[in-house]
Amino acid sequence: IAIEASCPLPPVLKVLGECERKFPGTQFTLTGDTLWGALERLKSGEADLAISPWFEEDLEFESLPLTTATLTTVATPQFRAALGKERLELEDLTGSVQVVVRDSSRAPRTQSFGYLAEGRHWYVTDHLTKKEIILAGMGWGRLHGHLIGEELRSGRLVPLAIQNYPTTMEISIRIARMRGRSVGPVGATLWEDFQLFYRDQP
């Protein structure tokens, strides 16, 4: 199973745990990917299921909605104060480091999703490293709400208000499999378990 590394894991692990109890002889392999990496693994046959942000519809996949994630543009209060004002223009950030998670797929897409091309960048391979760099006051960027809830409440991170750049962004998280590809009994049961679990969510 290929999982986008920022996706909330507790509900996924609950479904996997129940499936493991039904098929105790099955070995599960979970791989962490970023952006389109999980879906690429699914297309190539490296994974039977992918849990991924859903940026665009692709009829090669059959998918189920799992949850919605909210990303917030953040920095430390000291970082924001050093910029000299609370209401920023994009030009105010071109001299600052934007921390960016690289796409783990072998054929990265051209969509930017908030990437400020004119600025300076640090590229990382996972969201937790991105968070730690931002917490150290070394840059700014978007982070998932479930990763920074405590930091926002305590004030260690603050949202950045940037003109013509949304402070928050919502994305859909879906589980997907290849349409028409045959799967074994474990894969079929796991798909059904995800359907039942998320159908019962409020």
C-alpha atoms as a PDB file:
ATOM      1  CA  ILE A   1       0.000   0.000   0.000  1.00  0.00           C
ATOM      2  CA  ALA A   2       1.464   3.343  -1.046  1.00  0.00           C
ATOM      3  CA  ILE A   3       0.538   6.181   1.329  1.00  0.00           C
ATOM      4  CA  GLU A   4       1.172   9.873   0.822  1.00  0.00           C
ATOM      5  CA  ALA A   5       3.372  10.695   3.799  1.00  0.00           C
ATOM      6  CA  SER A   6       1.236  13.538   5.154  1.00  0.00           C
ATOM      7  CA  CYS A   7      -2.050  11.588   5.311  1.00  0.00           C
ATOM      8  CA  PRO A   8      -3.543  11.018   8.799  1.00  0.00           C
ATOM      9  CA  LEU A   9      -2.678   7.429   9.723  1.00  0.00           C
ATOM     10  CA  PRO A  10      -4.868   6.418  12.723  1.00  0.00           C
ATOM     11  CA  PRO A  11      -8.066   5.644  10.737  1.00  0.00           C
ATOM     12  CA  VAL A  12      -6.049   3.871   8.031  1.00  0.00           C
ATOM     13  CA  LEU A  13      -4.272   1.724  10.607  1.00  0.00           C
ATOM     14  CA  LYS A  14      -7.598   0.818  12.219  1.00  0.00           C
ATOM     15  CA  VAL A  15      -8.852  -0.629   8.923  1.00  0.00           C
ATOM     16  CA  LEU A  16      -5.524  -2.378   8.260  1.00  0.00           C
ATOM     17  CA  GLY A  17      -5.516  -3.873  11.760  1.00  0.00           C
ATOM     18  CA  GLU A  18      -8.967  -5.383  11.279  1.00  0.00           C
ATOM     19  CA  CYS A  19      -7.939  -6.844   7.914  1.00  0.00           C
ATOM     20  CA  GLU A  20      -4.758  -8.289   9.426  1.00  0.00           C
ATOM     21  CA  ARG A  21      -6.832 -10.106  12.039  1.00  0.00           C
ATOM     22  CA  LYS A  22      -8.926 -11.668   9.261  1.00  0.00           C
ATOM     23  CA  PHE A  23      -5.813 -12.713   7.309  1.00  0.00           C
ATOM     24  CA  PRO A  24      -3.062 -13.217   9.911  1.00  0.00           C
ATOM     25  CA  GLY A  25      -0.765 -14.877   7.390  1.00  0.00           C
ATOM     26  CA  THR A  26      -0.648 -11.831   5.114  1.00  0.00           C
ATOM     27  CA  GLN A  27       2.362  -9.537   5.100  1.00  0.00           C
ATOM     28  CA  PHE A  28       1.496  -5.879   4.547  1.00  0.00           C
ATOM     29  CA  THR A  29       4.010  -3.426   3.115  1.00  0.00           C
ATOM     30  CA  LEU A  30       3.420   0.309   3.555  1.00  0.00           C
ATOM     31  CA  THR A  31       5.487   2.803   1.581  1.00  0.00           C
ATOM     32  CA  GLY A  32       5.532   6.542   2.207  1.00  0.00           C
ATOM     33  CA  ASP A  33       5.395   8.852  -0.801  1.00  0.00           C
ATOM     34  CA  THR A  34       4.762  12.513  -1.506  1.00  0.00           C
ATOM     35  CA  LEU A  35       2.379  14.231  -3.924  1.00  0.00           C
ATOM     36  CA  TRP A  36       1.885  11.913  -6.959  1.00  0.00           C
ATOM     37  CA  GLY A  37       4.324   9.238  -5.791  1.00  0.00           C
ATOM     38  CA  ALA A  38       1.686   6.928  -4.309  1.00  0.00           C
ATOM     39  CA  LEU A  39      -0.470   6.990  -7.443  1.00  0.00           C
ATOM     40  CA  GLU A  40       2.584   6.342  -9.603  1.00  0.00           C
ATOM     41  CA  ARG A  41       3.330   3.212  -7.576  1.00  0.00           C
ATOM     42  CA  LEU A  42      -0.249   2.112  -8.111  1.00  0.00           C
ATOM     43  CA  LYS A  43      -0.041   2.588 -11.884  1.00  0.00           C
ATOM     44  CA  SER A  44       3.271   0.733 -12.124  1.00  0.00           C
ATOM     45  CA  GLY A  45       1.985  -2.266 -10.165  1.00  0.00           C
ATOM     46  CA  GLU A  46       4.290  -1.621  -7.196  1.00  0.00           C
ATOM     47  CA  ALA A  47       1.235  -1.135  -4.957  1.00  0.00           C
ATOM     48  CA  ASP A  48      -2.259  -2.630  -4.854  1.00  0.00           C
ATOM     49  CA  LEU A  49      -3.796   0.401  -3.131  1.00  0.00           C
ATOM     50  CA  ALA A  50      -2.799   4.045  -2.847  1.00  0.00           C
ATOM     51  CA  ILE A  51      -3.865   6.652  -0.305  1.00  0.00           C
ATOM     52  CA  SER A  52      -3.194  10.027  -1.827  1.00  0.00           C
ATOM     53  CA  PRO A  53      -4.229  13.657  -2.191  1.00  0.00           C
ATOM     54  CA  TRP A  54      -6.709  13.876  -5.044  1.00  0.00           C
ATOM     55  CA  PHE A  55      -5.680  16.795  -7.224  1.00  0.00           C
ATOM     56  CA  GLU A  56      -7.455  15.740 -10.428  1.00  0.00           C
ATOM     57  CA  GLU A  57      -9.780  13.006 -11.682  1.00  0.00           C
ATOM     58  CA  ASP A  58      -8.128  10.067 -13.449  1.00  0.00           C
ATOM     59  CA  LEU A  59     -10.397   7.437 -14.958  1.00  0.00           C
ATOM     60  CA  GLU A  60      -7.664   4.797 -14.681  1.00  0.00           C
ATOM     61  CA  PHE A  61      -8.437   4.699 -10.958  1.00  0.00           C
ATOM     62  CA  GLU A  62     -11.402   3.616  -8.903  1.00  0.00           C
ATOM     63  CA  SER A  63     -11.390   5.681  -5.725  1.00  0.00           C
ATOM     64  CA  LEU A  64     -13.158   6.250  -2.424  1.00  0.00           C
ATOM     65  CA  PRO A  65     -13.182   9.514  -0.435  1.00  0.00           C
ATOM     66  CA  LEU A  66     -11.451   9.159   2.925  1.00  0.00           C
ATOM     67  CA  THR A  67     -11.143  12.637   4.388  1.00  0.00           C
ATOM     68  CA  THR A  68     -10.342  16.267   3.657  1.00  0.00           C
ATOM     69  CA  ALA A  69      -7.046  17.794   4.723  1.00  0.00           C
ATOM     70  CA  THR A  70      -6.450  21.483   5.411  1.00  0.00           C
ATOM     71  CA  LEU A  71      -3.047  22.991   4.743  1.00  0.00           C
ATOM     72  CA  THR A  72      -2.119  26.293   6.392  1.00  0.00           C
ATOM     73  CA  THR A  73       0.626  28.686   5.343  1.00  0.00           C
ATOM     74  CA  VAL A  74       2.747  29.190   8.463  1.00  0.00           C
ATOM     75  CA  ALA A  75       5.990  30.470   9.919  1.00  0.00           C
ATOM     76  CA  THR A  76       7.281  31.304  13.385  1.00  0.00           C
ATOM     77  CA  PRO A  77       6.227  34.619  14.966  1.00  0.00           C
ATOM     78  CA  GLN A  78       9.875  35.739  14.808  1.00  0.00           C
ATOM     79  CA  PHE A  79      10.030  34.968  11.085  1.00  0.00           C
ATOM     80  CA  ARG A  80       6.884  36.996  10.443  1.00  0.00           C
ATOM     81  CA  ALA A  81       8.113  39.877  12.625  1.00  0.00           C
ATOM     82  CA  ALA A  82      11.383  40.046  10.686  1.00  0.00           C
ATOM     83  CA  LEU A  83       9.389  40.686   7.501  1.00  0.00           C
ATOM     84  CA  GLY A  84       8.266  43.968   9.029  1.00  0.00           C
ATOM     85  CA  LYS A  85       4.481  43.718   8.588  1.00  0.00           C
ATOM     86  CA  GLU A  86       1.611  41.328   9.204  1.00  0.00           C
ATOM     87  CA  ARG A  87      -0.197  41.713   5.863  1.00  0.00           C
ATOM     88  CA  LEU A  88       2.301  40.539   3.269  1.00  0.00           C
ATOM     89  CA  GLU A  89       2.669  40.736  -0.494  1.00  0.00           C
ATOM     90  CA  LEU A  90       4.212  37.838  -2.388  1.00  0.00           C
ATOM     91  CA  GLU A  91       7.141  40.127  -3.204  1.00  0.00           C
ATOM     92  CA  ASP A  92       7.908  40.373   0.521  1.00  0.00           C
ATOM     93  CA  LEU A  93       8.778  36.663   0.555  1.00  0.00           C
ATOM     94  CA  THR A  94      11.047  36.419  -2.474  1.00  0.00           C
ATOM     95  CA  GLY A  95      14.126  36.875  -0.296  1.00  0.00           C
ATOM     96  CA  SER A  96      12.966  34.297   2.257  1.00  0.00           C
ATOM     97  CA  VAL A  97      13.224  30.526   2.106  1.00  0.00           C
ATOM     98  CA  GLN A  98      10.088  28.604   1.140  1.00  0.00           C
ATOM     99  CA  VAL A  99      10.341  25.008   2.390  1.00  0.00           C
ATOM    100  CA  VAL A 100       9.014  22.628  -0.276  1.00  0.00           C
ATOM    101  CA  VAL A 101       8.364  18.876  -0.199  1.00  0.00           C
ATOM    102  CA  ARG A 102       9.579  17.248  -3.398  1.00  0.00           C
ATOM    103  CA  ASP A 103       7.287  15.037  -5.446  1.00  0.00           C
ATOM    104  CA  SER A 104       8.501  11.440  -4.971  1.00  0.00           C
ATOM    105  CA  SER A 105       7.217  10.301  -8.365  1.00  0.00           C
ATOM    106  CA  ARG A 106       9.702   9.612 -11.138  1.00  0.00           C
ATOM    107  CA  ALA A 107       7.850  11.950 -13.501  1.00  0.00           C
ATOM    108  CA  PRO A 108       7.031  15.068 -11.431  1.00  0.00           C
ATOM    109  CA  ARG A 109       4.054  17.155 -12.570  1.00  0.00           C
ATOM    110  CA  THR A 110       4.220  20.827 -13.469  1.00  0.00           C
ATOM    111  CA  GLN A 111       1.479  21.976 -11.041  1.00  0.00           C
ATOM    112  CA  SER A 112       2.928  24.151  -8.286  1.00  0.00           C
ATOM    113  CA  PHE A 113       0.255  24.189  -5.532  1.00  0.00           C
ATOM    114  CA  GLY A 114       1.659  27.257  -3.836  1.00  0.00           C
ATOM    115  CA  TYR A 115       5.251  27.060  -5.041  1.00  0.00           C
ATOM    116  CA  LEU A 116       6.660  30.589  -5.293  1.00  0.00           C
ATOM    117  CA  ALA A 117       9.014  30.288  -8.270  1.00  0.00           C
ATOM    118  CA  GLU A 118      10.664  33.680  -7.740  1.00  0.00           C
ATOM    119  CA  GLY A 119      11.775  32.945  -4.182  1.00  0.00           C
ATOM    120  CA  ARG A 120      14.480  30.930  -2.467  1.00  0.00           C
ATOM    121  CA  HIS A 121      13.759  27.282  -1.641  1.00  0.00           C
ATOM    122  CA  TRP A 122      14.808  24.412   0.554  1.00  0.00           C
ATOM    123  CA  TYR A 123      13.671  21.051  -0.799  1.00  0.00           C
ATOM    124  CA  VAL A 124      12.902  18.167   1.566  1.00  0.00           C
ATOM    125  CA  THR A 125      11.558  14.654   1.120  1.00  0.00           C
ATOM    126  CA  ASP A 126       8.956  14.574   3.911  1.00  0.00           C
ATOM    127  CA  HIS A 127       6.532  16.797   5.789  1.00  0.00           C
ATOM    128  CA  LEU A 128       8.011  16.298   9.268  1.00  0.00           C
ATOM    129  CA  THR A 129      11.394  17.599   8.134  1.00  0.00           C
ATOM    130  CA  LYS A 130       9.609  20.543   6.534  1.00  0.00           C
ATOM    131  CA  LYS A 131       7.841  21.230   9.830  1.00  0.00           C
ATOM    132  CA  GLU A 132      11.086  21.159  11.832  1.00  0.00           C
ATOM    133  CA  ILE A 133      12.809  23.591   9.452  1.00  0.00           C
ATOM    134  CA  ILE A 134       9.877  25.994   9.688  1.00  0.00           C
ATOM    135  CA  LEU A 135       9.786  25.642  13.493  1.00  0.00           C
ATOM    136  CA  ALA A 136      13.483  26.534  13.569  1.00  0.00           C
ATOM    137  CA  GLY A 137      12.590  29.858  11.951  1.00  0.00           C
ATOM    138  CA  MET A 138      14.488  29.021   8.782  1.00  0.00           C
ATOM    139  CA  GLY A 139      11.627  29.368   6.311  1.00  0.00           C
ATOM    140  CA  TRP A 140       7.904  29.337   5.616  1.00  0.00           C
ATOM    141  CA  GLY A 141       5.463  26.999   3.906  1.00  0.00           C
ATOM    142  CA  ARG A 142       2.185  25.109   3.966  1.00  0.00           C
ATOM    143  CA  LEU A 143       1.698  22.307   6.501  1.00  0.00           C
ATOM    144  CA  HIS A 144      -1.171  19.904   7.219  1.00  0.00           C
ATOM    145  CA  GLY A 145      -3.447  20.881  10.072  1.00  0.00           C
ATOM    146  CA  HIS A 146      -3.075  17.566  11.909  1.00  0.00           C
ATOM    147  CA  LEU A 147       0.698  18.107  12.035  1.00  0.00           C
ATOM    148  CA  ILE A 148       0.638  21.614  13.511  1.00  0.00           C
ATOM    149  CA  GLY A 149      -2.482  21.873  15.666  1.00  0.00           C
ATOM    150  CA  GLU A 150      -0.544  22.115  18.922  1.00  0.00           C
ATOM    151  CA  GLU A 151       1.995  24.557  17.489  1.00  0.00           C
ATOM    152  CA  LEU A 152      -0.774  26.874  16.276  1.00  0.00           C
ATOM    153  CA  ARG A 153      -2.526  26.720  19.670  1.00  0.00           C
ATOM    154  CA  SER A 154       0.677  27.479  21.567  1.00  0.00           C
ATOM    155  CA  GLY A 155       1.738  30.227  19.174  1.00  0.00           C
ATOM    156  CA  ARG A 156       4.981  28.533  18.118  1.00  0.00           C
ATOM    157  CA  LEU A 157       3.654  28.815  14.554  1.00  0.00           C
ATOM    158  CA  VAL A 158       1.372  31.501  13.155  1.00  0.00           C
ATOM    159  CA  PRO A 159      -0.587  31.698   9.889  1.00  0.00           C
ATOM    160  CA  LEU A 160       0.844  34.022   7.253  1.00  0.00           C
ATOM    161  CA  ALA A 161      -1.593  36.432   5.615  1.00  0.00           C
ATOM    162  CA  ILE A 162      -0.339  36.976   2.063  1.00  0.00           C
ATOM    163  CA  GLN A 163      -2.143  39.022  -0.558  1.00  0.00           C
ATOM    164  CA  ASN A 164      -3.378  36.823  -3.455  1.00  0.00           C
ATOM    165  CA  TYR A 165      -2.079  33.672  -1.748  1.00  0.00           C
ATOM    166  CA  PRO A 166      -4.644  31.679   0.278  1.00  0.00           C
ATOM    167  CA  THR A 167      -3.693  31.193   3.915  1.00  0.00           C
ATOM    168  CA  THR A 168      -5.461  27.816   3.902  1.00  0.00           C
ATOM    169  CA  MET A 169      -5.995  25.214   1.204  1.00  0.00           C
ATOM    170  CA  GLU A 170      -8.273  22.175   1.385  1.00  0.00           C
ATOM    171  CA  ILE A 171      -7.513  18.975  -0.484  1.00  0.00           C
ATOM    172  CA  SER A 172      -9.369  15.700  -0.744  1.00  0.00           C
ATOM    173  CA  ILE A 173      -7.649  12.500   0.418  1.00  0.00           C
ATOM    174  CA  ARG A 174      -8.803   9.331  -1.357  1.00  0.00           C
ATOM    175  CA  ILE A 175      -7.934   5.658  -1.471  1.00  0.00           C
ATOM    176  CA  ALA A 176      -7.539   4.312  -4.986  1.00  0.00           C
ATOM    177  CA  ARG A 177      -6.991   1.110  -6.935  1.00  0.00           C
ATOM    178  CA  MET A 178      -6.531   0.471 -10.635  1.00  0.00           C
ATOM    179  CA  ARG A 179      -9.810   0.085 -12.452  1.00  0.00           C
ATOM    180  CA  GLY A 180     -10.214  -3.429 -13.857  1.00  0.00           C
ATOM    181  CA  ARG A 181      -7.065  -4.867 -12.281  1.00  0.00           C
ATOM    182  CA  SER A 182      -7.748  -8.216 -10.611  1.00  0.00           C
ATOM    183  CA  VAL A 183      -6.933  -8.493  -6.911  1.00  0.00           C
ATOM    184  CA  GLY A 184      -6.761 -11.358  -4.464  1.00  0.00           C
ATOM    185  CA  PRO A 185      -9.097 -12.003  -1.527  1.00  0.00           C
ATOM    186  CA  VAL A 186      -7.076  -9.824   0.866  1.00  0.00           C
ATOM    187  CA  GLY A 187      -7.089  -6.852  -1.489  1.00  0.00           C
ATOM    188  CA  ALA A 188     -10.809  -7.229  -2.151  1.00  0.00           C
ATOM    189  CA  THR A 189     -11.595  -7.494   1.561  1.00  0.00           C
ATOM    190  CA  LEU A 190      -9.448  -4.482   2.399  1.00  0.00           C
ATOM    191  CA  TRP A 191     -11.274  -2.383  -0.197  1.00  0.00           C
ATOM    192  CA  GLU A 192     -14.627  -3.465   1.252  1.00  0.00           C
ATOM    193  CA  ASP A 193     -13.408  -2.689   4.778  1.00  0.00           C
ATOM    194  CA  PHE A 194     -12.442   0.843   3.754  1.00  0.00           C
ATOM    195  CA  GLN A 195     -15.853   1.302   2.142  1.00  0.00           C
ATOM    196  CA  LEU A 196     -17.647   0.189   5.303  1.00  0.00           C
ATOM    197  CA  PHE A 197     -15.437   2.132   7.700  1.00  0.00           C
ATOM    198  CA  TYR A 198     -15.747   5.461   5.955  1.00  0.00           C
ATOM    199  CA  ARG A 199     -19.428   4.988   5.167  1.00  0.00           C
ATOM    200  CA  ASP A 200     -20.028   4.884   8.918  1.00  0.00           C
ATOM    201  CA  GLN A 201     -18.080   8.065   9.676  1.00  0.00           C
ATOM    202  CA  PRO A 202     -20.091  11.168  10.677  1.00  0.00           C
END
